[in-house]
Amino acid sequence: MSRTCPLTGKRPLAGNSISHAHNKNRRRQLPNLQWKSVWVPELDRSVRLRLSTRALRTIDKKGLLPYLRSRGLRLKDVLPPRAHARNVSI
């Protein structure tokens, strides 16, 4: 499973961890991804997604389907691979 938010596209960043003696070690900054069940009133059911906390805040403000439409996505595009087997028409 990739550590990428399907809505915002946030991915891990790479950089250096620098000590007081200025020794450099490579490190990764991972996005804050959370598993969340989001209620979709248009489908009258909830959908479990792995999203960044920034995307969760925007979904709280706009709603899931309007946010997807503004990004040019469909619900099928952001669902995990196993969820495609279920009936999701939008």
PDB file of N, CA and C in Angstrom:
ATOM      1  N   MET A   1       0.835  -1.170   0.000  1.00  0.00           N
ATOM      2  CA  MET A   1       0.000   0.000   0.000  1.00  0.00           C
ATOM      3  C   MET A   1       0.887   1.243   0.000  1.00  0.00           C
ATOM      4  N   SER A   2       0.626   2.150  -0.920  1.00  0.00           N
ATOM      5  CA  SER A   2       1.441   3.351  -0.991  1.00  0.00           C
ATOM      6  C   SER A   2       1.011   4.343   0.077  1.00  0.00           C
ATOM      7  N   ARG A   3       1.937   5.135   0.528  1.00  0.00           N
ATOM      8  CA  ARG A   3       1.636   6.145   1.538  1.00  0.00           C
ATOM      9  C   ARG A   3       1.336   7.452   0.847  1.00  0.00           C
ATOM     10  N   THR A   4       0.265   7.455   0.081  1.00  0.00           N
ATOM     11  CA  THR A   4      -0.157   8.619  -0.685  1.00  0.00           C
ATOM     12  C   THR A   4      -1.635   8.848  -0.444  1.00  0.00           C
ATOM     13  N   CYS A   5      -2.018  10.088  -0.235  1.00  0.00           N
ATOM     14  CA  CYS A   5      -3.429  10.425  -0.096  1.00  0.00           C
ATOM     15  C   CYS A   5      -4.043  10.483  -1.494  1.00  0.00           C
ATOM     16  N   PRO A   6      -5.108   9.722  -1.756  1.00  0.00           N
ATOM     17  CA  PRO A   6      -5.686   9.727  -3.100  1.00  0.00           C
ATOM     18  C   PRO A   6      -6.375  11.040  -3.463  1.00  0.00           C
ATOM     19  N   LEU A   7      -6.766  11.849  -2.477  1.00  0.00           N
ATOM     20  CA  LEU A   7      -7.444  13.112  -2.773  1.00  0.00           C
ATOM     21  C   LEU A   7      -6.474  14.270  -2.955  1.00  0.00           C
ATOM     22  N   THR A   8      -5.567  14.441  -2.013  1.00  0.00           N
ATOM     23  CA  THR A   8      -4.672  15.598  -2.081  1.00  0.00           C
ATOM     24  C   THR A   8      -3.368  15.292  -2.796  1.00  0.00           C
ATOM     25  N   GLY A   9      -3.006  14.011  -2.907  1.00  0.00           N
ATOM     26  CA  GLY A   9      -1.757  13.641  -3.553  1.00  0.00           C
ATOM     27  C   GLY A   9      -0.539  13.822  -2.673  1.00  0.00           C
ATOM     28  N   LYS A  10      -0.741  14.026  -1.369  1.00  0.00           N
ATOM     29  CA  LYS A  10       0.401  14.178  -0.462  1.00  0.00           C
ATOM     30  C   LYS A  10       1.181  12.883  -0.413  1.00  0.00           C
ATOM     31  N   ARG A  11       2.515  12.990  -0.529  1.00  0.00           N
ATOM     32  CA  ARG A  11       3.403  11.838  -0.571  1.00  0.00           C
ATOM     33  C   ARG A  11       4.527  12.044   0.446  1.00  0.00           C
ATOM     34  N   PRO A  12       5.305  11.013   0.750  1.00  0.00           N
ATOM     35  CA  PRO A  12       6.441  11.194   1.656  1.00  0.00           C
ATOM     36  C   PRO A  12       7.478  12.153   1.061  1.00  0.00           C
ATOM     37  N   LEU A  13       8.081  12.939   1.922  1.00  0.00           N
ATOM     38  CA  LEU A  13       9.153  13.842   1.529  1.00  0.00           C
ATOM     39  C   LEU A  13      10.469  13.279   2.035  1.00  0.00           C
ATOM     40  N   ALA A  14      11.551  13.551   1.340  1.00  0.00           N
ATOM     41  CA  ALA A  14      12.876  13.096   1.753  1.00  0.00           C
ATOM     42  C   ALA A  14      13.730  14.307   2.082  1.00  0.00           C
ATOM     43  N   GLY A  15      14.573  14.135   3.094  1.00  0.00           N
ATOM     44  CA  GLY A  15      15.451  15.225   3.478  1.00  0.00           C
ATOM     45  C   GLY A  15      16.523  14.712   4.407  1.00  0.00           C
ATOM     46  N   ASN A  16      17.203  15.622   5.060  1.00  0.00           N
ATOM     47  CA  ASN A  16      18.270  15.274   5.981  1.00  0.00           C
ATOM     48  C   ASN A  16      17.862  15.598   7.411  1.00  0.00           C
ATOM     49  N   SER A  17      18.257  14.716   8.322  1.00  0.00           N
ATOM     50  CA  SER A  17      18.149  14.982   9.741  1.00  0.00           C
ATOM     51  C   SER A  17      19.522  15.474  10.168  1.00  0.00           C
ATOM     52  N   ILE A  18      19.602  16.691  10.671  1.00  0.00           N
ATOM     53  CA  ILE A  18      20.902  17.300  10.949  1.00  0.00           C
ATOM     54  C   ILE A  18      21.097  17.420  12.458  1.00  0.00           C
ATOM     55  N   SER A  19      22.177  16.855  12.961  1.00  0.00           N
ATOM     56  CA  SER A  19      22.477  16.890  14.390  1.00  0.00           C
ATOM     57  C   SER A  19      23.124  18.229  14.753  1.00  0.00           C
ATOM     58  N   HIS A  20      23.351  18.401  16.055  1.00  0.00           N
ATOM     59  CA  HIS A  20      24.003  19.619  16.528  1.00  0.00           C
ATOM     60  C   HIS A  20      25.423  19.735  15.967  1.00  0.00           C
ATOM     61  N   ALA A  21      26.089  18.596  15.738  1.00  0.00           N
ATOM     62  CA  ALA A  21      27.438  18.577  15.169  1.00  0.00           C
ATOM     63  C   ALA A  21      27.397  18.672  13.639  1.00  0.00           C
ATOM     64  N   HIS A  22      26.209  18.882  13.102  1.00  0.00           N
ATOM     65  CA  HIS A  22      25.973  19.051  11.665  1.00  0.00           C
ATOM     66  C   HIS A  22      26.238  17.771  10.864  1.00  0.00           C
ATOM     67  N   ASN A  23      26.035  16.607  11.524  1.00  0.00           N
ATOM     68  CA  ASN A  23      26.057  15.344  10.796  1.00  0.00           C
ATOM     69  C   ASN A  23      24.710  15.172  10.110  1.00  0.00           C
ATOM     70  N   LYS A  24      24.755  14.710   8.862  1.00  0.00           N
ATOM     71  CA  LYS A  24      23.521  14.586   8.090  1.00  0.00           C
ATOM     72  C   LYS A  24      23.157  13.119   7.899  1.00  0.00           C
ATOM     73  N   ASN A  25      21.921  12.779   8.195  1.00  0.00           N
ATOM     74  CA  ASN A  25      21.372  11.442   7.971  1.00  0.00           C
ATOM     75  C   ASN A  25      20.079  11.594   7.168  1.00  0.00           C
ATOM     76  N   ARG A  26      19.895  10.712   6.192  1.00  0.00           N
ATOM     77  CA  ARG A  26      18.682  10.773   5.381  1.00  0.00           C
ATOM     78  C   ARG A  26      17.482  10.349   6.215  1.00  0.00           C
ATOM     79  N   ARG A  27      16.361  11.010   5.985  1.00  0.00           N
ATOM     80  CA  ARG A  27      15.138  10.674   6.688  1.00  0.00           C
ATOM     81  C   ARG A  27      13.946  10.915   5.779  1.00  0.00           C
ATOM     82  N   ARG A  28      12.825  10.335   6.145  1.00  0.00           N
ATOM     83  CA  ARG A  28      11.575  10.525   5.391  1.00  0.00           C
ATOM     84  C   ARG A  28      10.558  11.198   6.294  1.00  0.00           C
ATOM     85  N   GLN A  29       9.824  12.153   5.745  1.00  0.00           N
ATOM     86  CA  GLN A  29       8.706  12.762   6.447  1.00  0.00           C
ATOM     87  C   GLN A  29       7.444  12.201   5.815  1.00  0.00           C
ATOM     88  N   LEU A  30       6.714  11.385   6.572  1.00  0.00           N
ATOM     89  CA  LEU A  30       5.537  10.720   6.045  1.00  0.00           C
ATOM     90  C   LEU A  30       4.300  11.603   6.217  1.00  0.00           C
ATOM     91  N   PRO A  31       3.366  11.547   5.277  1.00  0.00           N
ATOM     92  CA  PRO A  31       2.123  12.309   5.442  1.00  0.00           C
ATOM     93  C   PRO A  31       1.282  11.695   6.555  1.00  0.00           C
ATOM     94  N   ASN A  32       0.447  12.508   7.162  1.00  0.00           N
ATOM     95  CA  ASN A  32      -0.401  12.062   8.264  1.00  0.00           C
ATOM     96  C   ASN A  32      -1.654  11.419   7.673  1.00  0.00           C
ATOM     97  N   LEU A  33      -1.569  10.134   7.344  1.00  0.00           N
ATOM     98  CA  LEU A  33      -2.691   9.413   6.749  1.00  0.00           C
ATOM     99  C   LEU A  33      -3.461   8.665   7.828  1.00  0.00           C
ATOM    100  N   GLN A  34      -4.777   8.720   7.736  1.00  0.00           N
ATOM    101  CA  GLN A  34      -5.652   8.081   8.712  1.00  0.00           C
ATOM    102  C   GLN A  34      -6.721   7.287   7.977  1.00  0.00           C
ATOM    103  N   TRP A  35      -7.095   6.122   8.519  1.00  0.00           N
ATOM    104  CA  TRP A  35      -8.249   5.384   8.014  1.00  0.00           C
ATOM    105  C   TRP A  35      -9.489   6.021   8.612  1.00  0.00           C
ATOM    106  N   LYS A  36     -10.469   6.336   7.769  1.00  0.00           N
ATOM    107  CA  LYS A  36     -11.663   7.018   8.249  1.00  0.00           C
ATOM    108  C   LYS A  36     -12.872   6.532   7.475  1.00  0.00           C
ATOM    109  N   SER A  37     -13.970   6.285   8.170  1.00  0.00           N
ATOM    110  CA  SER A  37     -15.236   5.986   7.513  1.00  0.00           C
ATOM    111  C   SER A  37     -15.954   7.305   7.290  1.00  0.00           C
ATOM    112  N   VAL A  38     -16.218   7.624   6.043  1.00  0.00           N
ATOM    113  CA  VAL A  38     -16.858   8.886   5.681  1.00  0.00           C
ATOM    114  C   VAL A  38     -18.272   8.575   5.217  1.00  0.00           C
ATOM    115  N   TRP A  39     -19.259   9.250   5.801  1.00  0.00           N
ATOM    116  CA  TRP A  39     -20.649   9.044   5.423  1.00  0.00           C
ATOM    117  C   TRP A  39     -20.930   9.796   4.122  1.00  0.00           C
ATOM    118  N   VAL A  40     -21.534   9.081   3.160  1.00  0.00           N
ATOM    119  CA  VAL A  40     -21.905   9.677   1.876  1.00  0.00           C
ATOM    120  C   VAL A  40     -23.428   9.683   1.808  1.00  0.00           C
ATOM    121  N   PRO A  41     -24.067  10.841   2.038  1.00  0.00           N
ATOM    122  CA  PRO A  41     -25.538  10.867   2.070  1.00  0.00           C
ATOM    123  C   PRO A  41     -26.176  10.521   0.718  1.00  0.00           C
ATOM    124  N   GLU A  42     -25.483  10.809  -0.381  1.00  0.00           N
ATOM    125  CA  GLU A  42     -26.048  10.505  -1.700  1.00  0.00           C
ATOM    126  C   GLU A  42     -26.180   8.992  -1.912  1.00  0.00           C
ATOM    127  N   LEU A  43     -25.275   8.210  -1.321  1.00  0.00           N
ATOM    128  CA  LEU A  43     -25.320   6.748  -1.431  1.00  0.00           C
ATOM    129  C   LEU A  43     -26.022   6.107  -0.246  1.00  0.00           C
ATOM    130  N   ASP A  44     -26.271   6.897   0.811  1.00  0.00           N
ATOM    131  CA  ASP A  44     -26.886   6.428   2.046  1.00  0.00           C
ATOM    132  C   ASP A  44     -26.067   5.311   2.687  1.00  0.00           C
ATOM    133  N   ARG A  45     -24.752   5.472   2.695  1.00  0.00           N
ATOM    134  CA  ARG A  45     -23.842   4.515   3.318  1.00  0.00           C
ATOM    135  C   ARG A  45     -22.508   5.199   3.613  1.00  0.00           C
ATOM    136  N   SER A  46     -21.660   4.520   4.358  1.00  0.00           N
ATOM    137  CA  SER A  46     -20.333   5.070   4.640  1.00  0.00           C
ATOM    138  C   SER A  46     -19.301   4.348   3.786  1.00  0.00           C
ATOM    139  N   VAL A  47     -18.189   5.051   3.556  1.00  0.00           N
ATOM    140  CA  VAL A  47     -17.097   4.525   2.739  1.00  0.00           C
ATOM    141  C   VAL A  47     -15.823   4.665   3.560  1.00  0.00           C
ATOM    142  N   ARG A  48     -15.027   3.610   3.617  1.00  0.00           N
ATOM    143  CA  ARG A  48     -13.787   3.629   4.390  1.00  0.00           C
ATOM    144  C   ARG A  48     -12.634   4.014   3.471  1.00  0.00           C
ATOM    145  N   LEU A  49     -11.957   5.118   3.814  1.00  0.00           N
ATOM    146  CA  LEU A  49     -10.872   5.654   2.991  1.00  0.00           C
ATOM    147  C   LEU A  49      -9.649   5.915   3.850  1.00  0.00           C
ATOM    148  N   ARG A  50      -8.487   5.926   3.217  1.00  0.00           N
ATOM    149  CA  ARG A  50      -7.247   6.312   3.887  1.00  0.00           C
ATOM    150  C   ARG A  50      -6.851   7.676   3.356  1.00  0.00           C
ATOM    151  N   LEU A  51      -7.047   8.709   4.184  1.00  0.00           N
ATOM    152  CA  LEU A  51      -6.900  10.093   3.741  1.00  0.00           C
ATOM    153  C   LEU A  51      -5.932  10.850   4.641  1.00  0.00           C
ATOM    154  N   SER A  52      -5.392  11.934   4.096  1.00  0.00           N
ATOM    155  CA  SER A  52      -4.594  12.830   4.917  1.00  0.00           C
ATOM    156  C   SER A  52      -5.542  13.659   5.784  1.00  0.00           C
ATOM    157  N   THR A  53      -5.017  14.171   6.888  1.00  0.00           N
ATOM    158  CA  THR A  53      -5.853  14.960   7.780  1.00  0.00           C
ATOM    159  C   THR A  53      -6.297  16.258   7.115  1.00  0.00           C
ATOM    160  N   ARG A  54      -5.520  16.772   6.191  1.00  0.00           N
ATOM    161  CA  ARG A  54      -5.919  17.960   5.438  1.00  0.00           C
ATOM    162  C   ARG A  54      -7.152  17.655   4.588  1.00  0.00           C
ATOM    163  N   ALA A  55      -7.183  16.488   3.951  1.00  0.00           N
ATOM    164  CA  ALA A  55      -8.339  16.091   3.155  1.00  0.00           C
ATOM    165  C   ALA A  55      -9.562  15.881   4.041  1.00  0.00           C
ATOM    166  N   LEU A  56      -9.364  15.330   5.242  1.00  0.00           N
ATOM    167  CA  LEU A  56     -10.480  15.131   6.156  1.00  0.00           C
ATOM    168  C   LEU A  56     -11.110  16.459   6.565  1.00  0.00           C
ATOM    169  N   ARG A  57     -10.289  17.464   6.795  1.00  0.00           N
ATOM    170  CA  ARG A  57     -10.830  18.780   7.158  1.00  0.00           C
ATOM    171  C   ARG A  57     -11.635  19.375   6.006  1.00  0.00           C
ATOM    172  N   THR A  58     -11.150  19.194   4.788  1.00  0.00           N
ATOM    173  CA  THR A  58     -11.862  19.730   3.636  1.00  0.00           C
ATOM    174  C   THR A  58     -13.160  18.966   3.409  1.00  0.00           C
ATOM    175  N   ILE A  59     -13.165  17.654   3.640  1.00  0.00           N
ATOM    176  CA  ILE A  59     -14.389  16.862   3.504  1.00  0.00           C
ATOM    177  C   ILE A  59     -15.406  17.279   4.551  1.00  0.00           C
ATOM    178  N   ASP A  60     -14.962  17.600   5.772  1.00  0.00           N
ATOM    179  CA  ASP A  60     -15.881  18.092   6.797  1.00  0.00           C
ATOM    180  C   ASP A  60     -16.539  19.397   6.355  1.00  0.00           C
ATOM    181  N   LYS A  61     -15.799  20.206   5.633  1.00  0.00           N
ATOM    182  CA  LYS A  61     -16.322  21.502   5.199  1.00  0.00           C
ATOM    183  C   LYS A  61     -17.235  21.376   3.987  1.00  0.00           C
ATOM    184  N   LYS A  62     -16.797  20.654   2.942  1.00  0.00           N
ATOM    185  CA  LYS A  62     -17.522  20.605   1.676  1.00  0.00           C
ATOM    186  C   LYS A  62     -18.422  19.385   1.518  1.00  0.00           C
ATOM    187  N   GLY A  63     -17.998  18.253   2.054  1.00  0.00           N
ATOM    188  CA  GLY A  63     -18.654  16.978   1.783  1.00  0.00           C
ATOM    189  C   GLY A  63     -17.798  16.192   0.804  1.00  0.00           C
ATOM    190  N   LEU A  64     -17.930  14.867   0.816  1.00  0.00           N
ATOM    191  CA  LEU A  64     -17.037  14.029   0.020  1.00  0.00           C
ATOM    192  C   LEU A  64     -17.277  14.174  -1.475  1.00  0.00           C
ATOM    193  N   LEU A  65     -18.496  13.984  -1.924  1.00  0.00           N
ATOM    194  CA  LEU A  65     -18.742  14.010  -3.371  1.00  0.00           C
ATOM    195  C   LEU A  65     -18.521  15.385  -3.997  1.00  0.00           C
ATOM    196  N   PRO A  66     -18.940  16.507  -3.351  1.00  0.00           N
ATOM    197  CA  PRO A  66     -18.591  17.815  -3.938  1.00  0.00           C
ATOM    198  C   PRO A  66     -17.079  18.058  -4.014  1.00  0.00           C
ATOM    199  N   TYR A  67     -16.332  17.575  -3.000  1.00  0.00           N
ATOM    200  CA  TYR A  67     -14.878  17.733  -3.023  1.00  0.00           C
ATOM    201  C   TYR A  67     -14.267  16.910  -4.151  1.00  0.00           C
ATOM    202  N   LEU A  68     -14.773  15.695  -4.347  1.00  0.00           N
ATOM    203  CA  LEU A  68     -14.277  14.868  -5.451  1.00  0.00           C
ATOM    204  C   LEU A  68     -14.557  15.525  -6.793  1.00  0.00           C
ATOM    205  N   ARG A  69     -15.768  16.077  -6.959  1.00  0.00           N
ATOM    206  CA  ARG A  69     -16.110  16.736  -8.230  1.00  0.00           C
ATOM    207  C   ARG A  69     -15.197  17.927  -8.498  1.00  0.00           C
ATOM    208  N   SER A  70     -14.855  18.688  -7.444  1.00  0.00           N
ATOM    209  CA  SER A  70     -13.990  19.857  -7.641  1.00  0.00           C
ATOM    210  C   SER A  70     -12.573  19.443  -8.038  1.00  0.00           C
ATOM    211  N   ARG A  71     -12.142  18.238  -7.655  1.00  0.00           N
ATOM    212  CA  ARG A  71     -10.816  17.746  -8.022  1.00  0.00           C
ATOM    213  C   ARG A  71     -10.836  16.923  -9.301  1.00  0.00           C
ATOM    214  N   GLY A  72     -12.024  16.731  -9.897  1.00  0.00           N
ATOM    215  CA  GLY A  72     -12.129  15.967 -11.137  1.00  0.00           C
ATOM    216  C   GLY A  72     -12.008  14.469 -10.921  1.00  0.00           C
ATOM    217  N   LEU A  73     -12.428  13.979  -9.745  1.00  0.00           N
ATOM    218  CA  LEU A  73     -12.331  12.562  -9.411  1.00  0.00           C
ATOM    219  C   LEU A  73     -13.719  11.967  -9.212  1.00  0.00           C
ATOM    220  N   ARG A  74     -13.777  10.628  -9.240  1.00  0.00           N
ATOM    221  CA  ARG A  74     -14.988   9.899  -8.893  1.00  0.00           C
ATOM    222  C   ARG A  74     -14.706   9.083  -7.639  1.00  0.00           C
ATOM    223  N   LEU A  75     -15.757   8.610  -7.005  1.00  0.00           N
ATOM    224  CA  LEU A  75     -15.579   7.819  -5.788  1.00  0.00           C
ATOM    225  C   LEU A  75     -14.801   6.546  -6.075  1.00  0.00           C
ATOM    226  N   LYS A  76     -15.003   5.984  -7.245  1.00  0.00           N
ATOM    227  CA  LYS A  76     -14.296   4.758  -7.635  1.00  0.00           C
ATOM    228  C   LYS A  76     -12.781   4.991  -7.713  1.00  0.00           C
ATOM    229  N   ASP A  77     -12.361   6.219  -8.029  1.00  0.00           N
ATOM    230  CA  ASP A  77     -10.934   6.531  -8.160  1.00  0.00           C
ATOM    231  C   ASP A  77     -10.197   6.533  -6.818  1.00  0.00           C
ATOM    232  N   VAL A  78     -10.899   6.814  -5.720  1.00  0.00           N
ATOM    233  CA  VAL A  78     -10.229   6.961  -4.427  1.00  0.00           C
ATOM    234  C   VAL A  78     -10.462   5.788  -3.488  1.00  0.00           C
ATOM    235  N   LEU A  79     -11.317   4.845  -3.861  1.00  0.00           N
ATOM    236  CA  LEU A  79     -11.562   3.692  -2.998  1.00  0.00           C
ATOM    237  C   LEU A  79     -10.373   2.743  -3.017  1.00  0.00           C
ATOM    238  N   PRO A  80     -10.140   2.035  -1.902  1.00  0.00           N
ATOM    239  CA  PRO A  80      -9.090   1.010  -1.910  1.00  0.00           C
ATOM    240  C   PRO A  80      -9.447  -0.100  -2.899  1.00  0.00           C
ATOM    241  N   PRO A  81      -8.475  -0.869  -3.385  1.00  0.00           N
ATOM    242  CA  PRO A  81      -8.738  -1.860  -4.436  1.00  0.00           C
ATOM    243  C   PRO A  81      -9.801  -2.894  -4.091  1.00  0.00           C
ATOM    244  N   ARG A  82      -9.864  -3.350  -2.836  1.00  0.00           N
ATOM    245  CA  ARG A  82     -10.864  -4.358  -2.480  1.00  0.00           C
ATOM    246  C   ARG A  82     -12.274  -3.814  -2.505  1.00  0.00           C
ATOM    247  N   ALA A  83     -12.452  -2.527  -2.315  1.00  0.00           N
ATOM    248  CA  ALA A  83     -13.791  -1.939  -2.258  1.00  0.00           C
ATOM    249  C   ALA A  83     -14.447  -1.855  -3.617  1.00  0.00           C
ATOM    250  N   HIS A  84     -13.687  -2.029  -4.705  1.00  0.00           N
ATOM    251  CA  HIS A  84     -14.266  -1.939  -6.049  1.00  0.00           C
ATOM    252  C   HIS A  84     -15.237  -3.072  -6.325  1.00  0.00           C
ATOM    253  N   ALA A  85     -15.136  -4.177  -5.585  1.00  0.00           N
ATOM    254  CA  ALA A  85     -16.019  -5.311  -5.808  1.00  0.00           C
ATOM    255  C   ALA A  85     -17.441  -5.008  -5.366  1.00  0.00           C
ATOM    256  N   ARG A  86     -17.598  -4.091  -4.414  1.00  0.00           N
ATOM    257  CA  ARG A  86     -18.941  -3.729  -3.931  1.00  0.00           C
ATOM    258  C   ARG A  86     -19.641  -2.826  -4.946  1.00  0.00           C
ATOM    259  N   ASN A  87     -20.934  -2.698  -4.785  1.00  0.00           N
ATOM    260  CA  ASN A  87     -21.714  -1.861  -5.692  1.00  0.00           C
ATOM    261  C   ASN A  87     -21.525  -0.387  -5.337  1.00  0.00           C
ATOM    262  N   VAL A  88     -20.752   0.305  -6.119  1.00  0.00           N
ATOM    263  CA  VAL A  88     -20.578   1.747  -5.986  1.00  0.00           C
ATOM    264  C   VAL A  88     -20.783   2.333  -7.359  1.00  0.00           C
ATOM    265  N   SER A  89     -21.896   3.041  -7.532  1.00  0.00           N
ATOM    266  CA  SER A  89     -22.235   3.526  -8.863  1.00  0.00           C
ATOM    267  C   SER A  89     -21.715   4.914  -9.144  1.00  0.00           C
ATOM    268  N   ILE A  90     -21.378   5.691  -8.107  1.00  0.00           N
ATOM    269  CA  ILE A  90     -20.949   7.076  -8.336  1.00  0.00           C
ATOM    270  C   ILE A  90     -19.450   7.139  -8.388  1.00  0.00           C
TER     271      ILE A  90
END
